[in-house]
Amino acid sequence: MNSRKLRARSTEDLKEKMADAEKELMKLNAQSAQAVIKKPSQIKELKKTIAKINTLMREKTQEELQKNKEKK
């Protein structure tokens, strides 16, 4: 998923997207252990998406902390 599209989402949407991506990754890992999957590149793409979401969530948290510090 594109970083710009992810940045436009709220924190709650990012959490939902993260949960969905992790579930899908578990399914693909189980499938790859049992048999050959059609698109092994999907695993790599999901890992990258999860990393992007983690990064964006951390950035948003840090921005909120900065805003709180500035208000004081």
Protein backbone atom coordinates (compact mmCIF):
# COMPACT_ATOMS: atom_id res chain seq x y z
CA MET A 1 0.00 0.00 0.00
CA ASN A 2 1.15 3.51 -0.81
CA SER A 3 2.60 5.60 2.03
CA ARG A 4 0.51 8.62 1.03
CA LYS A 5 -2.68 6.62 1.34
CA LEU A 6 -1.59 5.31 4.72
CA ARG A 7 -0.72 8.80 5.99
CA ALA A 8 -4.22 9.98 5.17
CA ARG A 9 -5.75 7.34 7.43
CA SER A 10 -6.55 7.81 11.08
CA THR A 11 -4.79 5.93 13.86
CA GLU A 12 -7.78 3.62 14.31
CA ASP A 13 -7.81 2.79 10.60
CA LEU A 14 -4.09 2.08 10.74
CA LYS A 15 -4.60 -0.30 13.67
CA GLU A 16 -7.31 -2.15 11.74
CA LYS A 17 -5.15 -2.32 8.61
CA MET A 18 -2.26 -3.62 10.74
CA ALA A 19 -4.40 -6.37 12.25
CA ASP A 20 -5.65 -7.40 8.80
CA ALA A 21 -2.13 -7.45 7.37
CA GLU A 22 -0.81 -9.55 10.26
CA LYS A 23 -3.65 -12.07 9.87
CA GLU A 24 -3.00 -12.30 6.13
CA LEU A 25 0.73 -12.75 6.76
CA MET A 26 0.04 -15.63 9.17
CA LYS A 27 -2.18 -17.29 6.57
CA LEU A 28 0.45 -16.95 3.86
CA ASN A 29 3.19 -18.25 6.16
CA ALA A 30 1.06 -21.29 6.99
CA GLN A 31 0.34 -21.88 3.31
CA SER A 32 4.00 -21.60 2.37
CA ALA A 33 4.93 -24.13 5.06
CA GLN A 34 2.39 -26.64 3.75
CA ALA A 35 2.75 -26.12 0.02
CA VAL A 36 4.08 -23.77 -2.59
CA ILE A 37 2.09 -20.55 -2.77
CA LYS A 38 1.32 -18.88 -6.08
CA LYS A 39 2.76 -15.46 -5.21
CA PRO A 40 5.59 -15.68 -2.69
CA SER A 41 6.22 -11.95 -3.19
CA GLN A 42 2.99 -11.28 -1.26
CA ILE A 43 4.77 -12.20 1.97
CA LYS A 44 7.46 -9.61 1.31
CA GLU A 45 4.86 -6.97 0.40
CA LEU A 46 2.87 -7.62 3.57
CA LYS A 47 5.98 -7.35 5.72
CA LYS A 48 6.77 -4.00 4.12
CA THR A 49 3.20 -2.78 4.64
CA ILE A 50 3.33 -3.76 8.30
CA ALA A 51 6.63 -1.91 8.70
CA LYS A 52 5.18 1.20 7.04
CA ILE A 53 2.16 1.14 9.32
CA ASN A 54 4.36 0.74 12.40
CA THR A 55 6.48 3.69 11.31
CA LEU A 56 3.46 5.91 10.66
CA MET A 57 1.85 5.02 13.97
CA ARG A 58 5.10 5.87 15.79
CA GLU A 59 5.34 9.19 13.91
CA LYS A 60 1.76 10.09 14.79
CA THR A 61 2.37 9.25 18.44
CA GLN A 62 5.48 11.42 18.52
CA GLU A 63 3.61 14.30 16.86
CA GLU A 64 0.89 14.10 19.50
CA LEU A 65 3.52 14.14 22.26
CA GLN A 66 5.14 17.21 20.71
CA LYS A 67 1.78 19.01 20.55
CA ASN A 68 1.11 18.20 24.20
CA LYS A 69 4.53 19.53 25.22
CA GLU A 70 3.97 22.75 23.29
CA LYS A 71 0.62 23.33 24.98
CA LYS A 72 2.25 23.23 28.43
